[in-house]
Amino acid sequence: MKKTLLIAILSCLISSVFTQDFKINSAESVVEFNYVSEEAVGTIKGVSGKIHFDVITPLASYFEVKADIKSINTSNKTRDKHLNAADFFYTEKYPYISFKSESLSVNENNFILVGALSIKEISKKEEIKFTYENKVFVGRMVIYSNDYGIKEQKTRDKSKILVKITVPIF
C-alpha cells in the first residue's frame, strides 16, 4: 500500500513538472517566412493563444495559436500593404493565421505537431517540427501558397514557403 501511494505521488510530481500550460510572450514571438520562388522574406508578429505541453503524454498536449497578419513586414511598405489587400491575405476580413493541433509525437531530435493551419478560412493539415529549450519553442514547416489561395503559382513547388516559428514563453 505504501509503495503504491509513493508511486502515485511521484507520478503526480513528475507529471506536474513536465505538463504545463504556457503563457506566450507575444512581444517576442515571431513567424519568419521565406517565399522561395519570389525571393521574399519577412516576419509576422502578434502570436497569441494557448499551449498545453505534456512531455510525458504527448497526446495530452495541445497548441492553439494565431498570428496577426496585419503585422507582416517584408521591409517593403508597398509590398506589405499589397499583402494585406483582398487579392492576398485580405486582412480586413481575415486578420489572423491560426493553427490548432490534432496530435503531438516525438522522434529522436524533434517534437512533431500535426494540426489544422487556417489562412483565409482555408484549413489544411500541416506538420510542424519543433524543439523546446530554455523556455522557447522553435518550429519549422513548409507550406504552399497555392494551397491557401495566396499568390497562385503555375506549379505547387513554385509556391513553396519555408516557415520558422519562434515562441518564447513566460
C-alpha atoms as a PDB file:
ATOM      1  CA  MET A   1       0.000   0.000   0.000  1.00  0.00           C
ATOM      2  CA  LYS A   2       2.801   2.454   0.909  1.00  0.00           C
ATOM      3  CA  LYS A   3       4.657   1.566  -2.293  1.00  0.00           C
ATOM      4  CA  THR A   4       1.541   2.236  -4.406  1.00  0.00           C
ATOM      5  CA  LEU A   5       0.970   5.563  -2.675  1.00  0.00           C
ATOM      6  CA  LEU A   6       4.624   6.548  -3.187  1.00  0.00           C
ATOM      7  CA  ILE A   7       4.422   5.693  -6.909  1.00  0.00           C
ATOM      8  CA  ALA A   8       1.219   7.722  -7.250  1.00  0.00           C
ATOM      9  CA  ILE A   9       2.789  10.740  -5.532  1.00  0.00           C
ATOM     10  CA  LEU A  10       5.950  10.525  -7.662  1.00  0.00           C
ATOM     11  CA  SER A  11       3.847  10.220 -10.831  1.00  0.00           C
ATOM     12  CA  CYS A  12       1.915  13.361  -9.893  1.00  0.00           C
ATOM     13  CA  LEU A  13       5.120  15.271  -9.147  1.00  0.00           C
ATOM     14  CA  ILE A  14       6.760  14.218 -12.414  1.00  0.00           C
ATOM     15  CA  SER A  15       3.594  14.993 -14.345  1.00  0.00           C
ATOM     16  CA  SER A  16       3.345  18.477 -12.828  1.00  0.00           C
ATOM     17  CA  VAL A  17       6.953  19.206 -13.780  1.00  0.00           C
ATOM     18  CA  PHE A  18       6.582  18.033 -17.384  1.00  0.00           C
ATOM     19  CA  THR A  19       2.965  19.095 -18.029  1.00  0.00           C
ATOM     20  CA  GLN A  20       2.371  22.785 -18.223  1.00  0.00           C
ATOM     21  CA  ASP A  21       0.098  25.452 -19.560  1.00  0.00           C
ATOM     22  CA  PHE A  22       2.344  28.116 -21.019  1.00  0.00           C
ATOM     23  CA  LYS A  23       1.732  31.819 -21.434  1.00  0.00           C
ATOM     24  CA  ILE A  24       3.077  33.046 -24.765  1.00  0.00           C
ATOM     25  CA  ASN A  25       5.420  36.023 -24.781  1.00  0.00           C
ATOM     26  CA  SER A  26       3.624  37.733 -27.694  1.00  0.00           C
ATOM     27  CA  ALA A  27       6.001  40.681 -27.798  1.00  0.00           C
ATOM     28  CA  GLU A  28       8.967  38.387 -28.541  1.00  0.00           C
ATOM     29  CA  SER A  29       7.215  35.739 -30.681  1.00  0.00           C
ATOM     30  CA  VAL A  30       7.733  35.821 -34.421  1.00  0.00           C
ATOM     31  CA  VAL A  31       6.847  33.874 -37.556  1.00  0.00           C
ATOM     32  CA  GLU A  32       9.595  34.172 -40.168  1.00  0.00           C
ATOM     33  CA  PHE A  33       8.917  33.182 -43.763  1.00  0.00           C
ATOM     34  CA  ASN A  34      10.839  32.744 -46.996  1.00  0.00           C
ATOM     35  CA  TYR A  35       8.719  32.624 -50.160  1.00  0.00           C
ATOM     36  CA  VAL A  36      11.409  30.837 -52.143  1.00  0.00           C
ATOM     37  CA  SER A  37      10.410  31.499 -55.787  1.00  0.00           C
ATOM     38  CA  GLU A  38       9.582  35.153 -55.070  1.00  0.00           C
ATOM     39  CA  GLU A  39      12.800  35.705 -53.098  1.00  0.00           C
ATOM     40  CA  ALA A  40      10.642  37.403 -50.471  1.00  0.00           C
ATOM     41  CA  VAL A  41      11.402  37.100 -46.785  1.00  0.00           C
ATOM     42  CA  GLY A  42       9.589  38.626 -43.875  1.00  0.00           C
ATOM     43  CA  THR A  43       8.035  38.323 -40.466  1.00  0.00           C
ATOM     44  CA  ILE A  44       4.630  38.202 -38.836  1.00  0.00           C
ATOM     45  CA  LYS A  45       4.289  39.128 -35.174  1.00  0.00           C
ATOM     46  CA  GLY A  46       1.444  39.150 -32.695  1.00  0.00           C
ATOM     47  CA  VAL A  47       1.498  35.435 -31.870  1.00  0.00           C
ATOM     48  CA  SER A  48      -1.014  34.596 -29.143  1.00  0.00           C
ATOM     49  CA  GLY A  49      -3.037  31.625 -27.931  1.00  0.00           C
ATOM     50  CA  LYS A  50      -2.864  28.587 -25.685  1.00  0.00           C
ATOM     51  CA  ILE A  51      -0.135  25.992 -25.260  1.00  0.00           C
ATOM     52  CA  HIS A  52      -0.559  22.939 -23.051  1.00  0.00           C
ATOM     53  CA  PHE A  53       2.629  20.898 -23.345  1.00  0.00           C
ATOM     54  CA  ASP A  54       2.863  17.408 -21.835  1.00  0.00           C
ATOM     55  CA  VAL A  55       6.244  15.736 -22.354  1.00  0.00           C
ATOM     56  CA  ILE A  56       5.205  12.515 -20.587  1.00  0.00           C
ATOM     57  CA  THR A  57       1.936  12.050 -22.508  1.00  0.00           C
ATOM     58  CA  PRO A  58       2.318  13.925 -25.817  1.00  0.00           C
ATOM     59  CA  LEU A  59      -1.239  13.089 -26.887  1.00  0.00           C
ATOM     60  CA  ALA A  60      -2.498  15.198 -23.964  1.00  0.00           C
ATOM     61  CA  SER A  61      -0.749  18.266 -25.403  1.00  0.00           C
ATOM     62  CA  TYR A  62      -2.472  20.900 -27.469  1.00  0.00           C
ATOM     63  CA  PHE A  63      -1.461  24.087 -29.206  1.00  0.00           C
ATOM     64  CA  GLU A  64      -3.995  26.664 -30.340  1.00  0.00           C
ATOM     65  CA  VAL A  65      -2.272  29.791 -31.624  1.00  0.00           C
ATOM     66  CA  LYS A  66      -2.775  32.630 -34.051  1.00  0.00           C
ATOM     67  CA  ALA A  67      -0.632  35.355 -35.610  1.00  0.00           C
ATOM     68  CA  ASP A  68      -1.727  38.845 -36.599  1.00  0.00           C
ATOM     69  CA  ILE A  69      -1.213  39.089 -40.381  1.00  0.00           C
ATOM     70  CA  LYS A  70      -1.521  42.885 -40.323  1.00  0.00           C
ATOM     71  CA  SER A  71       1.912  42.894 -38.659  1.00  0.00           C
ATOM     72  CA  ILE A  72       3.523  41.431 -41.797  1.00  0.00           C
ATOM     73  CA  ASN A  73       6.887  43.040 -42.520  1.00  0.00           C
ATOM     74  CA  THR A  74       8.949  42.357 -45.630  1.00  0.00           C
ATOM     75  CA  SER A  75      10.994  45.583 -45.337  1.00  0.00           C
ATOM     76  CA  ASN A  76       8.972  46.955 -48.257  1.00  0.00           C
ATOM     77  CA  LYS A  77       5.969  49.038 -47.159  1.00  0.00           C
ATOM     78  CA  THR A  78       4.356  48.935 -50.610  1.00  0.00           C
ATOM     79  CA  ARG A  79       4.580  45.136 -50.689  1.00  0.00           C
ATOM     80  CA  ASP A  80       3.318  44.868 -47.107  1.00  0.00           C
ATOM     81  CA  LYS A  81       0.280  46.984 -47.948  1.00  0.00           C
ATOM     82  CA  HIS A  82      -0.408  44.815 -51.007  1.00  0.00           C
ATOM     83  CA  LEU A  83      -0.071  41.608 -48.953  1.00  0.00           C
ATOM     84  CA  ASN A  84      -2.823  42.906 -46.656  1.00  0.00           C
ATOM     85  CA  ALA A  85      -5.121  43.590 -49.638  1.00  0.00           C
ATOM     86  CA  ALA A  86      -8.037  41.419 -50.809  1.00  0.00           C
ATOM     87  CA  ASP A  87      -6.040  39.631 -53.533  1.00  0.00           C
ATOM     88  CA  PHE A  88      -3.548  38.296 -50.974  1.00  0.00           C
ATOM     89  CA  PHE A  89      -4.304  37.855 -47.251  1.00  0.00           C
ATOM     90  CA  TYR A  90      -7.363  40.162 -47.152  1.00  0.00           C
ATOM     91  CA  THR A  91      -6.614  41.089 -43.549  1.00  0.00           C
ATOM     92  CA  GLU A  92      -9.664  43.302 -43.248  1.00  0.00           C
ATOM     93  CA  LYS A  93     -11.786  40.151 -43.435  1.00  0.00           C
ATOM     94  CA  TYR A  94      -9.230  37.522 -42.253  1.00  0.00           C
ATOM     95  CA  PRO A  95      -6.882  39.204 -39.733  1.00  0.00           C
ATOM     96  CA  TYR A  96      -5.196  36.040 -38.426  1.00  0.00           C
ATOM     97  CA  ILE A  97      -3.382  32.913 -39.470  1.00  0.00           C
ATOM     98  CA  SER A  98      -4.302  30.209 -36.956  1.00  0.00           C
ATOM     99  CA  PHE A  99      -3.100  26.737 -36.013  1.00  0.00           C
ATOM    100  CA  LYS A 100      -4.937  24.176 -33.903  1.00  0.00           C
ATOM    101  CA  SER A 101      -3.120  20.952 -33.081  1.00  0.00           C
ATOM    102  CA  GLU A 102      -4.552  17.472 -33.514  1.00  0.00           C
ATOM    103  CA  SER A 103      -1.625  15.359 -32.335  1.00  0.00           C
ATOM    104  CA  LEU A 104       1.908  15.516 -30.994  1.00  0.00           C
ATOM    105  CA  SER A 105       4.569  12.850 -31.364  1.00  0.00           C
ATOM    106  CA  VAL A 106       8.275  12.633 -30.666  1.00  0.00           C
ATOM    107  CA  ASN A 107      11.231  11.436 -32.719  1.00  0.00           C
ATOM    108  CA  GLU A 108      14.926  11.431 -31.818  1.00  0.00           C
ATOM    109  CA  ASN A 109      15.502  15.149 -32.324  1.00  0.00           C
ATOM    110  CA  ASN A 110      12.120  16.868 -32.545  1.00  0.00           C
ATOM    111  CA  PHE A 111       8.547  17.017 -31.481  1.00  0.00           C
ATOM    112  CA  ILE A 112       6.164  16.680 -34.408  1.00  0.00           C
ATOM    113  CA  LEU A 113       2.962  18.661 -34.147  1.00  0.00           C
ATOM    114  CA  VAL A 114       0.167  17.920 -36.628  1.00  0.00           C
ATOM    115  CA  GLY A 115      -2.863  20.134 -36.918  1.00  0.00           C
ATOM    116  CA  ALA A 116      -5.034  22.456 -38.959  1.00  0.00           C
ATOM    117  CA  LEU A 117      -3.433  25.603 -40.320  1.00  0.00           C
ATOM    118  CA  SER A 118      -6.079  28.135 -41.367  1.00  0.00           C
ATOM    119  CA  ILE A 119      -5.478  31.025 -43.719  1.00  0.00           C
ATOM    120  CA  LYS A 120      -8.419  32.935 -45.218  1.00  0.00           C
ATOM    121  CA  GLU A 121     -10.892  30.276 -43.988  1.00  0.00           C
ATOM    122  CA  ILE A 122      -8.948  27.572 -45.832  1.00  0.00           C
ATOM    123  CA  SER A 123      -7.766  24.867 -43.426  1.00  0.00           C
ATOM    124  CA  LYS A 124      -5.178  22.247 -44.299  1.00  0.00           C
ATOM    125  CA  LYS A 125      -3.476  19.605 -42.191  1.00  0.00           C
ATOM    126  CA  GLU A 126       0.144  20.647 -41.697  1.00  0.00           C
ATOM    127  CA  GLU A 127       3.128  19.389 -39.721  1.00  0.00           C
ATOM    128  CA  ILE A 128       5.406  21.499 -37.540  1.00  0.00           C
ATOM    129  CA  LYS A 129       8.674  20.010 -36.313  1.00  0.00           C
ATOM    130  CA  PHE A 130       9.807  21.815 -33.193  1.00  0.00           C
ATOM    131  CA  THR A 131      12.196  21.843 -30.286  1.00  0.00           C
ATOM    132  CA  TYR A 132      11.701  23.247 -26.813  1.00  0.00           C
ATOM    133  CA  GLU A 133      14.704  24.609 -24.944  1.00  0.00           C
ATOM    134  CA  ASN A 134      15.281  27.438 -22.462  1.00  0.00           C
ATOM    135  CA  LYS A 135      11.596  28.435 -22.429  1.00  0.00           C
ATOM    136  CA  VAL A 136      11.447  28.805 -26.228  1.00  0.00           C
ATOM    137  CA  PHE A 137       9.532  26.735 -28.760  1.00  0.00           C
ATOM    138  CA  VAL A 138      11.180  26.817 -32.211  1.00  0.00           C
ATOM    139  CA  GLY A 139       9.281  25.191 -35.044  1.00  0.00           C
ATOM    140  CA  ARG A 140       9.773  24.743 -38.773  1.00  0.00           C
ATOM    141  CA  MET A 141       7.340  23.855 -41.504  1.00  0.00           C
ATOM    142  CA  VAL A 142       6.844  24.087 -45.252  1.00  0.00           C
ATOM    143  CA  ILE A 143       3.582  25.378 -46.700  1.00  0.00           C
ATOM    144  CA  TYR A 144       2.453  26.218 -50.226  1.00  0.00           C
ATOM    145  CA  SER A 145       0.701  29.464 -51.134  1.00  0.00           C
ATOM    146  CA  ASN A 146      -1.335  27.636 -53.813  1.00  0.00           C
ATOM    147  CA  ASP A 147      -2.960  25.553 -51.043  1.00  0.00           C
ATOM    148  CA  TYR A 148      -4.329  28.703 -49.395  1.00  0.00           C
ATOM    149  CA  GLY A 149      -5.302  30.797 -52.423  1.00  0.00           C
ATOM    150  CA  ILE A 150      -2.488  33.302 -51.936  1.00  0.00           C
ATOM    151  CA  LYS A 151      -0.274  34.254 -54.893  1.00  0.00           C
ATOM    152  CA  GLU A 152      -1.212  31.343 -57.132  1.00  0.00           C
ATOM    153  CA  GLN A 153       1.794  29.928 -58.967  1.00  0.00           C
ATOM    154  CA  LYS A 154       1.830  27.703 -62.076  1.00  0.00           C
ATOM    155  CA  THR A 155       3.282  24.797 -60.113  1.00  0.00           C
ATOM    156  CA  ARG A 156       2.877  23.859 -56.481  1.00  0.00           C
ATOM    157  CA  ASP A 157       6.634  23.734 -55.972  1.00  0.00           C
ATOM    158  CA  LYS A 158       6.957  27.393 -57.037  1.00  0.00           C
ATOM    159  CA  SER A 159       4.526  28.277 -54.239  1.00  0.00           C
ATOM    160  CA  LYS A 160       6.794  26.852 -51.512  1.00  0.00           C
ATOM    161  CA  ILE A 161       7.148  28.913 -48.335  1.00  0.00           C
ATOM    162  CA  LEU A 162       9.658  27.988 -45.636  1.00  0.00           C
ATOM    163  CA  VAL A 163       8.406  28.971 -42.194  1.00  0.00           C
ATOM    164  CA  LYS A 164      10.214  29.291 -38.863  1.00  0.00           C
ATOM    165  CA  ILE A 165       8.161  29.958 -35.729  1.00  0.00           C
ATOM    166  CA  THR A 166       9.832  31.195 -32.542  1.00  0.00           C
ATOM    167  CA  VAL A 167       7.610  31.339 -29.461  1.00  0.00           C
ATOM    168  CA  PRO A 168       9.180  32.261 -26.122  1.00  0.00           C
ATOM    169  CA  ILE A 169       7.023  31.594 -23.080  1.00  0.00           C
ATOM    170  CA  PHE A 170       6.806  33.014 -19.571  1.00  0.00           C
END
